[in-house]
PDB file of N, CA and C in Angstrom:
ATOM      1  N   MET A   1     121.285 108.022-132.200  1.00  0.00           N
ATOM      2  CA  MET A   1     122.215 106.976-132.577  1.00  0.00           C
ATOM      3  C   MET A   1     121.429 105.702-132.848  1.00  0.00           C
ATOM      4  N   PHE A   2     121.760 105.040-133.909  1.00  0.00           N
ATOM      5  CA  PHE A   2     121.109 103.792-134.287  1.00  0.00           C
ATOM      6  C   PHE A   2     121.775 102.640-133.569  1.00  0.00           C
ATOM      7  N   ARG A   3     120.987 101.797-132.956  1.00  0.00           N
ATOM      8  CA  ARG A   3     121.523 100.610-132.293  1.00  0.00           C
ATOM      9  C   ARG A   3     120.822  99.380-132.864  1.00  0.00           C
ATOM     10  N   SER A   4     121.588  98.376-133.094  1.00  0.00           N
ATOM     11  CA  SER A   4     121.041  97.141-133.636  1.00  0.00           C
ATOM     12  C   SER A   4     121.468  95.987-132.750  1.00  0.00           C
ATOM     13  N   GLU A   5     120.634  94.999-132.646  1.00  0.00           N
ATOM     14  CA  GLU A   5     120.972  93.796-131.879  1.00  0.00           C
ATOM     15  C   GLU A   5     121.840  92.855-132.700  1.00  0.00           C
ATOM     16  N   GLU A   6     121.994  93.154-133.973  1.00  0.00           N
ATOM     17  CA  GLU A   6     122.751  92.333-134.890  1.00  0.00           C
ATOM     18  C   GLU A   6     124.242  92.616-134.740  1.00  0.00           C
ATOM     19  N   MET A   7     125.058  91.587-134.826  1.00  0.00           N
ATOM     20  CA  MET A   7     126.492  91.759-134.743  1.00  0.00           C
ATOM     21  C   MET A   7     127.111  91.404-136.089  1.00  0.00           C
ATOM     22  N   ALA A   8     128.102  92.172-136.493  1.00  0.00           N
ATOM     23  CA  ALA A   8     128.793  91.904-137.751  1.00  0.00           C
ATOM     24  C   ALA A   8     130.291  92.010-137.515  1.00  0.00           C
ATOM     25  N   LEU A   9     131.047  91.297-138.300  1.00  0.00           N
ATOM     26  CA  LEU A   9     132.500  91.317-138.203  1.00  0.00           C
ATOM     27  C   LEU A   9     133.065  92.004-139.434  1.00  0.00           C
ATOM     28  N   TYR A  10     133.896  93.007-139.219  1.00  0.00           N
ATOM     29  CA  TYR A  10     134.519  93.741-140.308  1.00  0.00           C
ATOM     30  C   TYR A  10     136.028  93.735-140.111  1.00  0.00           C
ATOM     31  N   SER A  11     136.729  93.764-141.204  1.00  0.00           N
ATOM     32  CA  SER A  11     138.177  93.902-141.178  1.00  0.00           C
ATOM     33  C   SER A  11     138.506  95.287-141.708  1.00  0.00           C
ATOM     34  N   LEU A  12     139.372  95.988-141.016  1.00  0.00           N
ATOM     35  CA  LEU A  12     139.710  97.353-141.386  1.00  0.00           C
ATOM     36  C   LEU A  12     141.230  97.475-141.495  1.00  0.00           C
ATOM     37  N   ASP A  13     141.693  97.831-142.683  1.00  0.00           N
ATOM     38  CA  ASP A  13     143.119  98.070-142.893  1.00  0.00           C
ATOM     39  C   ASP A  13     143.332  99.579-142.924  1.00  0.00           C
ATOM     40  N   ILE A  14     144.227 100.054-142.067  1.00  0.00           N
ATOM     41  CA  ILE A  14     144.473 101.491-141.934  1.00  0.00           C
ATOM     42  C   ILE A  14     145.963 101.733-142.082  1.00  0.00           C
ATOM     43  N   SER A  15     146.316 102.775-142.822  1.00  0.00           N
ATOM     44  CA  SER A  15     147.740 103.114-142.926  1.00  0.00           C
ATOM     45  C   SER A  15     148.216 103.621-141.574  1.00  0.00           C
ATOM     46  N   LYS A  16     149.480 103.442-141.282  1.00  0.00           N
ATOM     47  CA  LYS A  16     150.027 103.883-140.000  1.00  0.00           C
ATOM     48  C   LYS A  16     149.852 105.380-139.803  1.00  0.00           C
ATOM     49  N   ASP A  17     149.922 106.149-140.884  1.00  0.00           N
ATOM     50  CA  ASP A  17     149.777 107.601-140.775  1.00  0.00           C
ATOM     51  C   ASP A  17     148.390 108.005-140.293  1.00  0.00           C
ATOM     52  N   ASP A  18     147.367 107.238-140.670  1.00  0.00           N
ATOM     53  CA  ASP A  18     145.991 107.585-140.323  1.00  0.00           C
ATOM     54  C   ASP A  18     145.448 106.798-139.132  1.00  0.00           C
ATOM     55  N   ALA A  19     146.187 105.825-138.665  1.00  0.00           N
ATOM     56  CA  ALA A  19     145.683 104.912-137.641  1.00  0.00           C
ATOM     57  C   ALA A  19     145.262 105.628-136.367  1.00  0.00           C
ATOM     58  N   TRP A  20     146.070 106.573-135.879  1.00  0.00           N
ATOM     59  CA  TRP A  20     145.743 107.245-134.615  1.00  0.00           C
ATOM     60  C   TRP A  20     144.394 107.948-134.706  1.00  0.00           C
ATOM     61  N   GLU A  21     144.198 108.743-135.753  1.00  0.00           N
ATOM     62  CA  GLU A  21     142.956 109.508-135.880  1.00  0.00           C
ATOM     63  C   GLU A  21     141.759 108.587-136.079  1.00  0.00           C
ATOM     64  N   VAL A  22     141.894 107.565-136.908  1.00  0.00           N
ATOM     65  CA  VAL A  22     140.786 106.643-137.161  1.00  0.00           C
ATOM     66  C   VAL A  22     140.423 105.893-135.885  1.00  0.00           C
ATOM     67  N   MET A  23     141.407 105.353-135.186  1.00  0.00           N
ATOM     68  CA  MET A  23     141.135 104.602-133.961  1.00  0.00           C
ATOM     69  C   MET A  23     140.566 105.511-132.876  1.00  0.00           C
ATOM     70  N   ASN A  24     141.024 106.755-132.814  1.00  0.00           N
ATOM     71  CA  ASN A  24     140.492 107.703-131.846  1.00  0.00           C
ATOM     72  C   ASN A  24     139.010 107.946-132.104  1.00  0.00           C
ATOM     73  N   GLN A  25     138.637 108.123-133.369  1.00  0.00           N
ATOM     74  CA  GLN A  25     137.242 108.356-133.706  1.00  0.00           C
ATOM     75  C   GLN A  25     136.400 107.096-133.472  1.00  0.00           C
ATOM     76  N   LEU A  26     136.919 105.932-133.835  1.00  0.00           N
ATOM     77  CA  LEU A  26     136.183 104.686-133.606  1.00  0.00           C
ATOM     78  C   LEU A  26     136.024 104.402-132.116  1.00  0.00           C
ATOM     79  N   GLY A  27     137.020 104.770-131.338  1.00  0.00           N
ATOM     80  CA  GLY A  27     136.958 104.545-129.895  1.00  0.00           C
ATOM     81  C   GLY A  27     135.848 105.328-129.220  1.00  0.00           C
ATOM     82  N   LYS A  28     135.391 106.396-129.840  1.00  0.00           N
ATOM     83  CA  LYS A  28     134.295 107.190-129.278  1.00  0.00           C
ATOM     84  C   LYS A  28     132.950 106.476-129.406  1.00  0.00           C
ATOM     85  N   ASN A  29     132.894 105.473-130.254  1.00  0.00           N
ATOM     86  CA  ASN A  29     131.657 104.734-130.474  1.00  0.00           C
ATOM     87  C   ASN A  29     131.620 103.555-129.506  1.00  0.00           C
ATOM     88  N   SER A  30     130.698 103.586-128.574  1.00  0.00           N
ATOM     89  CA  SER A  30     130.653 102.554-127.532  1.00  0.00           C
ATOM     90  C   SER A  30     130.085 101.221-128.012  1.00  0.00           C
ATOM     91  N   THR A  31     129.761 101.112-129.277  1.00  0.00           N
ATOM     92  CA  THR A  31     129.180  99.868-129.776  1.00  0.00           C
ATOM     93  C   THR A  31     130.196  98.988-130.495  1.00  0.00           C
ATOM     94  N   LEU A  32     131.456  99.368-130.460  1.00  0.00           N
ATOM     95  CA  LEU A  32     132.489  98.586-131.144  1.00  0.00           C
ATOM     96  C   LEU A  32     133.185  97.633-130.186  1.00  0.00           C
ATOM     97  N   HIS A  33     133.666  96.554-130.728  1.00  0.00           N
ATOM     98  CA  HIS A  33     134.476  95.598-129.992  1.00  0.00           C
ATOM     99  C   HIS A  33     135.618  95.188-130.905  1.00  0.00           C
ATOM    100  N   PHE A  34     136.842  95.265-130.414  1.00  0.00           N
ATOM    101  CA  PHE A  34     138.005  94.924-131.225  1.00  0.00           C
ATOM    102  C   PHE A  34     138.488  93.531-130.883  1.00  0.00           C
ATOM    103  N   LEU A  35     138.866  92.783-131.907  1.00  0.00           N
ATOM    104  CA  LEU A  35     139.412  91.444-131.735  1.00  0.00           C
ATOM    105  C   LEU A  35     140.919  91.485-131.938  1.00  0.00           C
ATOM    106  N   ASP A  36     141.628  90.799-131.098  1.00  0.00           N
ATOM    107  CA  ASP A  36     143.074  90.703-131.220  1.00  0.00           C
ATOM    108  C   ASP A  36     143.396  89.534-132.138  1.00  0.00           C
ATOM    109  N   LEU A  37     143.854  89.849-133.333  1.00  0.00           N
ATOM    110  CA  LEU A  37     144.159  88.796-134.299  1.00  0.00           C
ATOM    111  C   LEU A  37     145.563  88.224-134.116  1.00  0.00           C
ATOM    112  N   ASN A  38     146.316  88.783-133.171  1.00  0.00           N
ATOM    113  CA  ASN A  38     147.681  88.322-132.907  1.00  0.00           C
ATOM    114  C   ASN A  38     147.814  87.805-131.479  1.00  0.00           C
ATOM    115  N   GLN A  39     146.833  87.046-131.018  1.00  0.00           N
ATOM    116  CA  GLN A  39     146.820  86.581-129.632  1.00  0.00           C
ATOM    117  C   GLN A  39     148.030  85.733-129.259  1.00  0.00           C
ATOM    118  N   ARG A  40     148.523  84.987-130.198  1.00  0.00           N
ATOM    119  CA  ARG A  40     149.628  84.071-129.886  1.00  0.00           C
ATOM    120  C   ARG A  40     150.992  84.744-129.909  1.00  0.00           C
ATOM    121  N   GLU A  41     151.061  85.938-130.432  1.00  0.00           N
ATOM    122  CA  GLU A  41     152.332  86.659-130.510  1.00  0.00           C
ATOM    123  C   GLU A  41     152.673  87.255-129.143  1.00  0.00           C
ATOM    124  N   GLN A  42     153.940  87.181-128.776  1.00  0.00           N
ATOM    125  CA  GLN A  42     154.376  87.753-127.502  1.00  0.00           C
ATOM    126  C   GLN A  42     154.117  89.255-127.500  1.00  0.00           C
ATOM    127  N   SER A  43     153.703  89.792-126.365  1.00  0.00           N
ATOM    128  CA  SER A  43     153.305  91.198-126.298  1.00  0.00           C
ATOM    129  C   SER A  43     154.436  92.153-126.670  1.00  0.00           C
ATOM    130  N   TYR A  44     155.675  91.831-126.324  1.00  0.00           N
ATOM    131  CA  TYR A  44     156.785  92.725-126.634  1.00  0.00           C
ATOM    132  C   TYR A  44     157.177  92.691-128.117  1.00  0.00           C
ATOM    133  N   ASN A  45     156.671  91.723-128.886  1.00  0.00           N
ATOM    134  CA  ASN A  45     156.953  91.644-130.319  1.00  0.00           C
ATOM    135  C   ASN A  45     155.897  92.331-131.179  1.00  0.00           C
ATOM    136  N   ARG A  46     154.843  92.792-130.578  1.00  0.00           N
ATOM    137  CA  ARG A  46     153.751  93.397-131.338  1.00  0.00           C
ATOM    138  C   ARG A  46     154.138  94.786-131.827  1.00  0.00           C
ATOM    139  N   ALA A  47     153.485  95.184-132.910  1.00  0.00           N
ATOM    140  CA  ALA A  47     153.798  96.463-133.554  1.00  0.00           C
ATOM    141  C   ALA A  47     153.569  97.647-132.624  1.00  0.00           C
ATOM    142  N   TYR A  48     152.600  97.543-131.728  1.00  0.00           N
ATOM    143  CA  TYR A  48     152.258  98.685-130.878  1.00  0.00           C
ATOM    144  C   TYR A  48     152.735  98.527-129.437  1.00  0.00           C
ATOM    145  N   ALA A  49     153.686  97.629-129.198  1.00  0.00           N
ATOM    146  CA  ALA A  49     154.189  97.405-127.846  1.00  0.00           C
ATOM    147  C   ALA A  49     154.770  98.689-127.251  1.00  0.00           C
ATOM    148  N   SER A  50     155.456  99.476-128.060  1.00  0.00           N
ATOM    149  CA  SER A  50     156.038 100.715-127.530  1.00  0.00           C
ATOM    150  C   SER A  50     154.959 101.712-127.120  1.00  0.00           C
ATOM    151  N   TYR A  51     153.827 101.718-127.836  1.00  0.00           N
ATOM    152  CA  TYR A  51     152.722 102.603-127.461  1.00  0.00           C
ATOM    153  C   TYR A  51     152.100 102.161-126.135  1.00  0.00           C
ATOM    154  N   ILE A  52     151.995 100.861-125.935  1.00  0.00           N
ATOM    155  CA  ILE A  52     151.447 100.341-124.681  1.00  0.00           C
ATOM    156  C   ILE A  52     152.365 100.720-123.533  1.00  0.00           C
ATOM    157  N   LYS A  53     153.672 100.602-123.740  1.00  0.00           N
ATOM    158  CA  LYS A  53     154.634 101.003-122.705  1.00  0.00           C
ATOM    159  C   LYS A  53     154.504 102.488-122.392  1.00  0.00           C
ATOM    160  N   ARG A  54     154.315 103.307-123.438  1.00  0.00           N
ATOM    161  CA  ARG A  54     154.144 104.749-123.228  1.00  0.00           C
ATOM    162  C   ARG A  54     152.877 105.033-122.438  1.00  0.00           C
ATOM    163  N   CYS A  55     151.800 104.299-122.723  1.00  0.00           N
ATOM    164  CA  CYS A  55     150.551 104.474-121.974  1.00  0.00           C
ATOM    165  C   CYS A  55     150.738 104.085-120.510  1.00  0.00           C
ATOM    166  N   ASP A  56     151.426 102.975-120.270  1.00  0.00           N
ATOM    167  CA  ASP A  56     151.701 102.554-118.895  1.00  0.00           C
ATOM    168  C   ASP A  56     152.507 103.623-118.160  1.00  0.00           C
ATOM    169  N   GLU A  57     153.491 104.173-118.834  1.00  0.00           N
ATOM    170  CA  GLU A  57     154.320 105.223-118.222  1.00  0.00           C
ATOM    171  C   GLU A  57     153.495 106.484-117.969  1.00  0.00           C
ATOM    172  N   ALA A  58     152.632 106.846-118.892  1.00  0.00           N
ATOM    173  CA  ALA A  58     151.766 108.018-118.706  1.00  0.00           C
ATOM    174  C   ALA A  58     150.824 107.800-117.523  1.00  0.00           C
ATOM    175  N   GLU A  59     150.298 106.584-117.403  1.00  0.00           N
ATOM    176  CA  GLU A  59     149.412 106.273-116.281  1.00  0.00           C
ATOM    177  C   GLU A  59     150.172 106.378-114.958  1.00  0.00           C
ATOM    178  N   ARG A  60     151.390 105.874-114.919  1.00  0.00           N
ATOM    179  CA  ARG A  60     152.212 105.951-113.713  1.00  0.00           C
ATOM    180  C   ARG A  60     152.464 107.407-113.329  1.00  0.00           C
ATOM    181  N   ARG A  61     152.780 108.239-114.321  1.00  0.00           N
ATOM    182  CA  ARG A  61     153.024 109.659-114.062  1.00  0.00           C
ATOM    183  C   ARG A  61     151.769 110.372-113.572  1.00  0.00           C
ATOM    184  N   ALA A  62     150.634 110.035-114.170  1.00  0.00           N
ATOM    185  CA  ALA A  62     149.365 110.650-113.746  1.00  0.00           C
ATOM    186  C   ALA A  62     149.051 110.289-112.296  1.00  0.00           C
ATOM    187  N   ARG A  63     149.288 109.024-111.929  1.00  0.00           N
ATOM    188  CA  ARG A  63     149.077 108.618-110.528  1.00  0.00           C
ATOM    189  C   ARG A  63     150.004 109.393-109.601  1.00  0.00           C
ATOM    190  N   TYR A  64     151.261 109.577-110.006  1.00  0.00           N
ATOM    191  CA  TYR A  64     152.221 110.319-109.196  1.00  0.00           C
ATOM    192  C   TYR A  64     151.769 111.771-109.013  1.00  0.00           C
ATOM    193  N   ILE A  65     151.331 112.396-110.099  1.00  0.00           N
ATOM    194  CA  ILE A  65     150.863 113.788-110.015  1.00  0.00           C
ATOM    195  C   ILE A  65     149.647 113.878-109.096  1.00  0.00           C
ATOM    196  N   GLU A  66     148.743 112.917-109.217  1.00  0.00           N
ATOM    197  CA  GLU A  66     147.558 112.907-108.355  1.00  0.00           C
ATOM    198  C   GLU A  66     147.950 112.746-106.890  1.00  0.00           C
ATOM    199  N   GLU A  67     148.903 111.861-106.611  1.00  0.00           N
ATOM    200  CA  GLU A  67     149.385 111.672-105.240  1.00  0.00           C
ATOM    201  C   GLU A  67     150.010 112.955-104.697  1.00  0.00           C
ATOM    202  N   GLN A  68     150.805 113.614-105.533  1.00  0.00           N
ATOM    203  CA  GLN A  68     151.441 114.866-105.098  1.00  0.00           C
ATOM    204  C   GLN A  68     150.392 115.950-104.861  1.00  0.00           C
ATOM    205  N   ALA A  69     149.388 116.011-105.693  1.00  0.00           N
ATOM    206  CA  ALA A  69     148.318 117.002-105.508  1.00  0.00           C
ATOM    207  C   ALA A  69     147.600 116.757-104.179  1.00  0.00           C
ATOM    208  N   ARG A  70     147.322 115.497-103.882  1.00  0.00           N
ATOM    209  CA  ARG A  70     146.681 115.174-102.592  1.00  0.00           C
ATOM    210  C   ARG A  70     147.597 115.532-101.433  1.00  0.00           C
ATOM    211  N   LYS A  71     148.871 115.223-101.585  1.00  0.00           N
ATOM    212  CA  LYS A  71     149.852 115.502-100.536  1.00  0.00           C
ATOM    213  C   LYS A  71     149.872 116.995-100.193  1.00  0.00           C
ATOM    214  N   PHE A  72     149.765 117.842-101.205  1.00  0.00           N
ATOM    215  CA  PHE A  72     149.800 119.289-100.991  1.00  0.00           C
ATOM    216  C   PHE A  72     148.395 119.910-100.950  1.00  0.00           C
ATOM    217  N   ARG A  73     147.400 119.040-100.815  1.00  0.00           N
ATOM    218  CA  ARG A  73     145.990 119.457-100.698  1.00  0.00           C
ATOM    219  C   ARG A  73     145.535 120.350-101.847  1.00  0.00           C
ATOM    220  N   MET A  74     145.955 120.001-103.035  1.00  0.00           N
ATOM    221  CA  MET A  74     145.515 120.721-104.236  1.00  0.00           C
ATOM    222  C   MET A  74     144.330 119.967-104.826  1.00  0.00           C
ATOM    223  N   PRO A  75     143.307 120.679-105.247  1.00  0.00           N
ATOM    224  CA  PRO A  75     142.146 119.985-105.808  1.00  0.00           C
ATOM    225  C   PRO A  75     142.474 119.348-107.160  1.00  0.00           C
ATOM    226  N   VAL A  76     141.936 118.167-107.363  1.00  0.00           N
ATOM    227  CA  VAL A  76     142.094 117.459-108.632  1.00  0.00           C
ATOM    228  C   VAL A  76     140.712 117.361-109.255  1.00  0.00           C
ATOM    229  N   GLN A  77     140.554 117.973-110.406  1.00  0.00           N
ATOM    230  CA  GLN A  77     139.249 117.958-111.076  1.00  0.00           C
ATOM    231  C   GLN A  77     139.269 116.904-112.173  1.00  0.00           C
ATOM    232  N   LYS A  78     138.398 115.944-112.049  1.00  0.00           N
ATOM    233  CA  LYS A  78     138.316 114.874-113.036  1.00  0.00           C
ATOM    234  C   LYS A  78     137.184 115.159-114.008  1.00  0.00           C
ATOM    235  N   ALA A  79     137.316 114.634-115.215  1.00  0.00           N
ATOM    236  CA  ALA A  79     136.257 114.791-116.218  1.00  0.00           C
ATOM    237  C   ALA A  79     134.997 114.089-115.721  1.00  0.00           C
ATOM    238  N   LYS A  80     133.855 114.694-116.002  1.00  0.00           N
ATOM    239  CA  LYS A  80     132.573 114.140-115.543  1.00  0.00           C
ATOM    240  C   LYS A  80     132.144 112.933-116.371  1.00  0.00           C
ATOM    241  N   SER A  81     132.637 112.858-117.598  1.00  0.00           N
ATOM    242  CA  SER A  81     132.240 111.753-118.476  1.00  0.00           C
ATOM    243  C   SER A  81     133.351 111.479-119.475  1.00  0.00           C
ATOM    244  N   LEU A  82     133.254 110.355-120.126  1.00  0.00           N
ATOM    245  CA  LEU A  82     134.221 110.006-121.160  1.00  0.00           C
ATOM    246  C   LEU A  82     134.161 111.011-122.303  1.00  0.00           C
ATOM    247  N   GLU A  83     132.938 111.434-122.652  1.00  0.00           N
ATOM    248  CA  GLU A  83     132.775 112.407-123.740  1.00  0.00           C
ATOM    249  C   GLU A  83     133.492 113.719-123.414  1.00  0.00           C
ATOM    250  N   GLU A  84     133.380 114.170-122.160  1.00  0.00           N
ATOM    251  CA  GLU A  84     134.064 115.403-121.750  1.00  0.00           C
ATOM    252  C   GLU A  84     135.576 115.226-121.859  1.00  0.00           C
ATOM    253  N   LEU A  85     136.080 114.097-121.384  1.00  0.00           N
ATOM    254  CA  LEU A  85     137.518 113.830-121.460  1.00  0.00           C
ATOM    255  C   LEU A  85     137.994 113.791-122.906  1.00  0.00           C
ATOM    256  N   LEU A  86     137.248 113.107-123.771  1.00  0.00           N
ATOM    257  CA  LEU A  86     137.635 113.038-125.179  1.00  0.00           C
ATOM    258  C   LEU A  86     137.604 114.411-125.831  1.00  0.00           C
ATOM    259  N   GLY A  87     136.644 115.248-125.445  1.00  0.00           N
ATOM    260  CA  GLY A  87     136.583 116.621-125.954  1.00  0.00           C
ATOM    261  C   GLY A  87     137.810 117.411-125.542  1.00  0.00           C
ATOM    262  N   ILE A  88     138.245 117.247-124.303  1.00  0.00           N
ATOM    263  CA  ILE A  88     139.443 117.938-123.805  1.00  0.00           C
ATOM    264  C   ILE A  88     140.677 117.462-124.576  1.00  0.00           C
ATOM    265  N   VAL A  89     140.779 116.148-124.765  1.00  0.00           N
ATOM    266  CA  VAL A  89     141.923 115.593-125.495  1.00  0.00           C
ATOM    267  C   VAL A  89     141.919 116.084-126.938  1.00  0.00           C
ATOM    268  N   ASP A  90     140.748 116.088-127.592  1.00  0.00           N
ATOM    269  CA  ASP A  90     140.652 116.591-128.975  1.00  0.00           C
ATOM    270  C   ASP A  90     141.108 118.043-129.051  1.00  0.00           C
ATOM    271  N   LYS A  91     140.664 118.846-128.108  1.00  0.00           N
ATOM    272  CA  LYS A  91     141.040 120.267-128.083  1.00  0.00           C
ATOM    273  C   LYS A  91     142.553 120.421-127.923  1.00  0.00           C
ATOM    274  N   MET A  92     143.149 119.634-127.025  1.00  0.00           N
ATOM    275  CA  MET A  92     144.594 119.693-126.813  1.00  0.00           C
ATOM    276  C   MET A  92     145.344 119.271-128.073  1.00  0.00           C
ATOM    277  N   LEU A  93     144.866 118.217-128.740  1.00  0.00           N
ATOM    278  CA  LEU A  93     145.527 117.749-129.960  1.00  0.00           C
ATOM    279  C   LEU A  93     145.450 118.788-131.074  1.00  0.00           C
ATOM    280  N   LYS A  94     144.306 119.446-131.201  1.00  0.00           N
ATOM    281  CA  LYS A  94     144.161 120.482-132.223  1.00  0.00           C
ATOM    282  C   LYS A  94     145.093 121.653-131.939  1.00  0.00           C
ATOM    283  N   GLU A  95     145.186 122.053-130.662  1.00  0.00           N
ATOM    284  CA  GLU A  95     146.088 123.145-130.302  1.00  0.00           C
ATOM    285  C   GLU A  95     147.540 122.756-130.560  1.00  0.00           C
ATOM    286  N   ARG A  96     147.886 121.505-130.238  1.00  0.00           N
ATOM    287  CA  ARG A  96     149.251 121.028-130.470  1.00  0.00           C
ATOM    288  C   ARG A  96     149.560 121.010-131.962  1.00  0.00           C
ATOM    289  N   ASN A  97     148.604 120.553-132.771  1.00  0.00           N
ATOM    290  CA  ASN A  97     148.806 120.508-134.219  1.00  0.00           C
ATOM    291  C   ASN A  97     148.967 121.896-134.803  1.00  0.00           C
ATOM    292  N   LYS A  98     148.242 122.894-134.268  1.00  0.00           N
ATOM    293  CA  LYS A  98     148.398 124.263-134.728  1.00  0.00           C
ATOM    294  C   LYS A  98     149.815 124.761-134.452  1.00  0.00           C
ATOM    295  N   VAL A  99     150.312 124.476-133.258  1.00  0.00           N
ATOM    296  CA  VAL A  99     151.661 124.910-132.890  1.00  0.00           C
ATOM    297  C   VAL A  99     152.701 124.226-133.780  1.00  0.00           C
ATOM    298  N   LEU A 100     152.522 122.923-133.996  1.00  0.00           N
ATOM    299  CA  LEU A 100     153.483 122.179-134.810  1.00  0.00           C
ATOM    300  C   LEU A 100     153.460 122.626-136.271  1.00  0.00           C
ATOM    301  N   SER A 101     152.281 122.940-136.793  1.00  0.00           N
ATOM    302  CA  SER A 101     152.194 123.354-138.197  1.00  0.00           C
ATOM    303  C   SER A 101     152.692 124.771-138.405  1.00  0.00           C
ATOM    304  N   SER A 102     152.670 125.608-137.382  1.00  0.00           N
ATOM    305  CA  SER A 102     153.130 126.981-137.525  1.00  0.00           C
ATOM    306  C   SER A 102     154.638 127.122-137.360  1.00  0.00           C
ATOM    307  N   SER A 103     155.284 126.075-136.844  1.00  0.00           N
ATOM    308  CA  SER A 103     156.744 126.170-136.661  1.00  0.00           C
ATOM    309  C   SER A 103     157.521 125.607-137.814  1.00  0.00           C
TER     310      SER A 103
END
């Protein structure tokens, strides 16, 4: 991987249809930093506020499942690295897309 000490600012316009896949791939690159260009806008008025709420809810559910697993002494296996976790998520998304496209 090429690393540079130089910093550059880029603007990227992505269609909503492609945004998830593009952002997922960009998120794998640890050398990126995103700027919030809508800092003054209230959080509940932002275009992705519903996605943030869904993430918060998913996090709450994951904590609950983890608590229940501990309560019943079930082992919880966590990903060893971010790359491993992203690989698992990619695999799940591909399997889900196969199921959705076949129906």
